[in-house]
């Protein structure tokens, strides 16, 4: 089976990228999100960390060749929505207290701290979307930035 081809689409209020479900794909998701956030004139720190955590969750379960994941950034009025869609519908992320000695398990705690809202939506099998929203003040920059 061949490599998954990166696909990007963009409009004035939405950006999306489809990437292979690999650690490299997760890094690319963060890098491309930072570029788009800068182009929109938005601060990158909090939203970039949200993308990084959600993308890492999308690639961690399987790393199956030929699988991909999708990252979508949308600006709608006063909200920035970050959505990561993967093909691991049976692996619903939950917020939990991480063991201080554990190497992982803190990703959703980071999302919870940085986002104003987040959740999970089931898509057509086998897809699910994990999303986070950051409220943008009137000036267009995320609150707390």
C-alpha atoms as a PDB file:
ATOM      1  CA  UNK A   1       0.000   0.000   0.000  1.00  0.00           C
ATOM      2  CA  UNK A   2       1.401   3.452  -0.907  1.00  0.00           C
ATOM      3  CA  UNK A   3       1.900   6.433   1.338  1.00  0.00           C
ATOM      4  CA  UNK A   4      -1.024   8.683   2.119  1.00  0.00           C
ATOM      5  CA  UNK A   5      -0.725  11.967   0.253  1.00  0.00           C
ATOM      6  CA  UNK A   6      -1.000  15.148   2.277  1.00  0.00           C
ATOM      7  CA  UNK A   7      -4.018  17.162   1.194  1.00  0.00           C
ATOM      8  CA  UNK A   8      -4.607  20.790   2.159  1.00  0.00           C
ATOM      9  CA  UNK A   9      -7.585  23.064   1.563  1.00  0.00           C
ATOM     10  CA  UNK A  10      -8.129  26.602   2.686  1.00  0.00           C
ATOM     11  CA  UNK A  11     -10.677  29.413   2.584  1.00  0.00           C
ATOM     12  CA  UNK A  12     -10.954  32.778   4.327  1.00  0.00           C
ATOM     13  CA  UNK A  13     -12.376  31.154   7.479  1.00  0.00           C
ATOM     14  CA  UNK A  14     -11.362  27.500   7.300  1.00  0.00           C
ATOM     15  CA  UNK A  15      -8.174  25.482   6.895  1.00  0.00           C
ATOM     16  CA  UNK A  16      -7.908  21.723   6.653  1.00  0.00           C
ATOM     17  CA  UNK A  17      -5.134  19.228   6.161  1.00  0.00           C
ATOM     18  CA  UNK A  18      -5.181  15.455   5.806  1.00  0.00           C
ATOM     19  CA  UNK A  19      -1.994  13.778   7.003  1.00  0.00           C
ATOM     20  CA  UNK A  20      -0.682  10.256   7.567  1.00  0.00           C
ATOM     21  CA  UNK A  21      -1.293   8.933  11.084  1.00  0.00           C
ATOM     22  CA  UNK A  22       2.373   8.937  12.050  1.00  0.00           C
ATOM     23  CA  UNK A  23       4.419  10.969  14.529  1.00  0.00           C
ATOM     24  CA  UNK A  24       5.726  12.971  11.563  1.00  0.00           C
ATOM     25  CA  UNK A  25       2.141  13.675  10.478  1.00  0.00           C
ATOM     26  CA  UNK A  26       1.335  14.960  13.974  1.00  0.00           C
ATOM     27  CA  UNK A  27       4.354  17.311  13.869  1.00  0.00           C
ATOM     28  CA  UNK A  28       3.311  18.551  10.428  1.00  0.00           C
ATOM     29  CA  UNK A  29      -0.213  19.231  11.712  1.00  0.00           C
ATOM     30  CA  UNK A  30       1.159  21.539  14.396  1.00  0.00           C
ATOM     31  CA  UNK A  31       3.538  23.305  12.002  1.00  0.00           C
ATOM     32  CA  UNK A  32       0.830  23.900   9.385  1.00  0.00           C
ATOM     33  CA  UNK A  33      -1.639  25.085  12.035  1.00  0.00           C
ATOM     34  CA  UNK A  34       0.910  27.614  13.321  1.00  0.00           C
ATOM     35  CA  UNK A  35       1.411  28.944   9.782  1.00  0.00           C
ATOM     36  CA  UNK A  36      -2.344  29.356   9.264  1.00  0.00           C
ATOM     37  CA  UNK A  37      -2.915  30.960  12.675  1.00  0.00           C
ATOM     38  CA  UNK A  38      -0.162  33.482  11.925  1.00  0.00           C
ATOM     39  CA  UNK A  39      -1.687  34.201   8.514  1.00  0.00           C
ATOM     40  CA  UNK A  40      -5.008  34.874  10.250  1.00  0.00           C
ATOM     41  CA  UNK A  41      -3.256  37.191  12.704  1.00  0.00           C
ATOM     42  CA  UNK A  42      -4.021  34.989  15.702  1.00  0.00           C
ATOM     43  CA  UNK A  43      -1.605  34.090  18.495  1.00  0.00           C
ATOM     44  CA  UNK A  44      -0.248  30.595  18.088  1.00  0.00           C
ATOM     45  CA  UNK A  45       0.779  29.331  21.518  1.00  0.00           C
ATOM     46  CA  UNK A  46      -2.445  27.920  23.001  1.00  0.00           C
ATOM     47  CA  UNK A  47      -4.091  26.785  19.762  1.00  0.00           C
ATOM     48  CA  UNK A  48      -0.836  25.179  18.552  1.00  0.00           C
ATOM     49  CA  UNK A  49      -0.599  23.154  21.776  1.00  0.00           C
ATOM     50  CA  UNK A  50      -4.217  22.034  21.357  1.00  0.00           C
ATOM     51  CA  UNK A  51      -3.499  20.895  17.778  1.00  0.00           C
ATOM     52  CA  UNK A  52      -0.343  19.101  18.942  1.00  0.00           C
ATOM     53  CA  UNK A  53      -2.164  17.209  21.708  1.00  0.00           C
ATOM     54  CA  UNK A  54      -5.168  16.228  19.594  1.00  0.00           C
ATOM     55  CA  UNK A  55      -2.955  15.195  16.660  1.00  0.00           C
ATOM     56  CA  UNK A  56      -0.753  13.111  18.973  1.00  0.00           C
ATOM     57  CA  UNK A  57      -3.872  11.339  20.250  1.00  0.00           C
ATOM     58  CA  UNK A  58      -4.965  10.669  16.660  1.00  0.00           C
ATOM     59  CA  UNK A  59      -1.729   8.894  15.747  1.00  0.00           C
ATOM     60  CA  UNK A  60      -0.888   7.109  19.008  1.00  0.00           C
ATOM     61  CA  UNK A  61      -3.423   4.238  18.934  1.00  0.00           C
ATOM     62  CA  UNK A  62      -2.327   2.391  15.843  1.00  0.00           C
ATOM     63  CA  UNK A  63       0.121   3.809  13.370  1.00  0.00           C
ATOM     64  CA  UNK A  64      -1.437   1.556  10.762  1.00  0.00           C
ATOM     65  CA  UNK A  65      -0.018   2.069   7.279  1.00  0.00           C
ATOM     66  CA  UNK A  66      -2.498   3.810   5.003  1.00  0.00           C
ATOM     67  CA  UNK A  67      -4.500   5.413   7.827  1.00  0.00           C
ATOM     68  CA  UNK A  68      -4.762   9.161   7.973  1.00  0.00           C
ATOM     69  CA  UNK A  69      -6.171  11.890  10.157  1.00  0.00           C
ATOM     70  CA  UNK A  70      -7.670  15.275   9.434  1.00  0.00           C
ATOM     71  CA  UNK A  71      -7.092  18.618  11.153  1.00  0.00           C
ATOM     72  CA  UNK A  72      -9.552  21.463  10.566  1.00  0.00           C
ATOM     73  CA  UNK A  73      -9.240  25.017  11.894  1.00  0.00           C
ATOM     74  CA  UNK A  74     -12.333  27.209  11.552  1.00  0.00           C
ATOM     75  CA  UNK A  75     -12.970  30.832  12.482  1.00  0.00           C
ATOM     76  CA  UNK A  76     -16.633  31.600  12.975  1.00  0.00           C
ATOM     77  CA  UNK A  77     -17.465  34.928  14.535  1.00  0.00           C
ATOM     78  CA  UNK A  78     -15.712  35.034  17.877  1.00  0.00           C
ATOM     79  CA  UNK A  79     -14.649  31.380  17.987  1.00  0.00           C
ATOM     80  CA  UNK A  80     -11.662  29.394  16.762  1.00  0.00           C
ATOM     81  CA  UNK A  81     -12.598  25.719  16.401  1.00  0.00           C
ATOM     82  CA  UNK A  82      -9.918  23.048  16.184  1.00  0.00           C
ATOM     83  CA  UNK A  83     -11.077  19.628  15.070  1.00  0.00           C
ATOM     84  CA  UNK A  84      -9.075  16.424  14.627  1.00  0.00           C
ATOM     85  CA  UNK A  85     -10.776  13.504  12.894  1.00  0.00           C
ATOM     86  CA  UNK A  86      -9.304  10.006  13.039  1.00  0.00           C
ATOM     87  CA  UNK A  87     -10.372   6.444  12.314  1.00  0.00           C
ATOM     88  CA  UNK A  88     -10.298   5.171  15.887  1.00  0.00           C
ATOM     89  CA  UNK A  89     -13.992   5.526  16.737  1.00  0.00           C
ATOM     90  CA  UNK A  90     -13.697   2.882  19.445  1.00  0.00           C
ATOM     91  CA  UNK A  91     -11.035   4.888  21.316  1.00  0.00           C
ATOM     92  CA  UNK A  92     -12.921   7.776  22.913  1.00  0.00           C
ATOM     93  CA  UNK A  93     -10.559  10.101  24.786  1.00  0.00           C
ATOM     94  CA  UNK A  94     -11.426  10.899  28.384  1.00  0.00           C
ATOM     95  CA  UNK A  95     -10.010  13.466  30.752  1.00  0.00           C
ATOM     96  CA  UNK A  96      -8.279  11.763  33.657  1.00  0.00           C
ATOM     97  CA  UNK A  97      -5.728  12.516  36.316  1.00  0.00           C
ATOM     98  CA  UNK A  98      -2.331  11.512  34.979  1.00  0.00           C
ATOM     99  CA  UNK A  99       0.102   9.570  37.101  1.00  0.00           C
ATOM    100  CA  UNK A 100       3.022  11.916  37.803  1.00  0.00           C
ATOM    101  CA  UNK A 101       5.423   9.115  36.785  1.00  0.00           C
ATOM    102  CA  UNK A 102       3.590   8.303  33.534  1.00  0.00           C
ATOM    103  CA  UNK A 103       5.101   9.412  30.244  1.00  0.00           C
ATOM    104  CA  UNK A 104       1.706  10.280  28.772  1.00  0.00           C
ATOM    105  CA  UNK A 105      -1.903  10.835  29.700  1.00  0.00           C
ATOM    106  CA  UNK A 106      -1.815  14.603  30.120  1.00  0.00           C
ATOM    107  CA  UNK A 107      -2.909  15.660  26.635  1.00  0.00           C
ATOM    108  CA  UNK A 108      -6.568  16.251  27.370  1.00  0.00           C
ATOM    109  CA  UNK A 109      -5.666  18.072  30.580  1.00  0.00           C
ATOM    110  CA  UNK A 110      -3.701  20.508  28.394  1.00  0.00           C
ATOM    111  CA  UNK A 111      -6.676  20.829  26.021  1.00  0.00           C
ATOM    112  CA  UNK A 112      -9.040  21.338  28.980  1.00  0.00           C
ATOM    113  CA  UNK A 113      -6.801  24.108  30.344  1.00  0.00           C
ATOM    114  CA  UNK A 114      -6.389  25.958  27.035  1.00  0.00           C
ATOM    115  CA  UNK A 115      -9.803  25.545  25.394  1.00  0.00           C
ATOM    116  CA  UNK A 116     -13.071  27.153  26.402  1.00  0.00           C
ATOM    117  CA  UNK A 117     -14.936  23.995  25.334  1.00  0.00           C
ATOM    118  CA  UNK A 118     -14.009  20.596  23.941  1.00  0.00           C
ATOM    119  CA  UNK A 119     -15.723  17.343  23.133  1.00  0.00           C
ATOM    120  CA  UNK A 120     -16.002  14.272  20.942  1.00  0.00           C
ATOM    121  CA  UNK A 121     -18.410  13.601  18.079  1.00  0.00           C
ATOM    122  CA  UNK A 122     -18.961  10.244  16.418  1.00  0.00           C
ATOM    123  CA  UNK A 123     -18.779  10.357  12.626  1.00  0.00           C
ATOM    124  CA  UNK A 124     -19.585   7.760  10.036  1.00  0.00           C
ATOM    125  CA  UNK A 125     -17.802   4.545  11.085  1.00  0.00           C
ATOM    126  CA  UNK A 126     -14.949   4.270  11.773  1.00  0.00           C
ATOM    127  CA  UNK A 127     -14.420   8.027  12.249  1.00  0.00           C
ATOM    128  CA  UNK A 128     -14.628  10.262  15.302  1.00  0.00           C
ATOM    129  CA  UNK A 129     -13.823  13.938  15.767  1.00  0.00           C
ATOM    130  CA  UNK A 130     -12.260  15.463  18.852  1.00  0.00           C
ATOM    131  CA  UNK A 131     -12.783  19.227  18.881  1.00  0.00           C
ATOM    132  CA  UNK A 132     -11.817  22.206  20.973  1.00  0.00           C
ATOM    133  CA  UNK A 133     -13.036  25.794  20.811  1.00  0.00           C
ATOM    134  CA  UNK A 134     -11.225  28.941  21.886  1.00  0.00           C
ATOM    135  CA  UNK A 135     -13.266  32.121  22.316  1.00  0.00           C
ATOM    136  CA  UNK A 136     -11.874  35.101  20.449  1.00  0.00           C
ATOM    137  CA  UNK A 137     -12.483  38.578  21.851  1.00  0.00           C
ATOM    138  CA  UNK A 138     -13.745  41.318  19.572  1.00  0.00           C
ATOM    139  CA  UNK A 139     -10.195  42.048  18.380  1.00  0.00           C
ATOM    140  CA  UNK A 140      -9.855  38.490  17.027  1.00  0.00           C
ATOM    141  CA  UNK A 141      -7.214  37.243  19.439  1.00  0.00           C
ATOM    142  CA  UNK A 142      -7.833  34.375  21.863  1.00  0.00           C
ATOM    143  CA  UNK A 143      -8.801  35.339  25.396  1.00  0.00           C
ATOM    144  CA  UNK A 144      -5.934  35.193  27.843  1.00  0.00           C
ATOM    145  CA  UNK A 145      -3.294  35.848  25.192  1.00  0.00           C
END
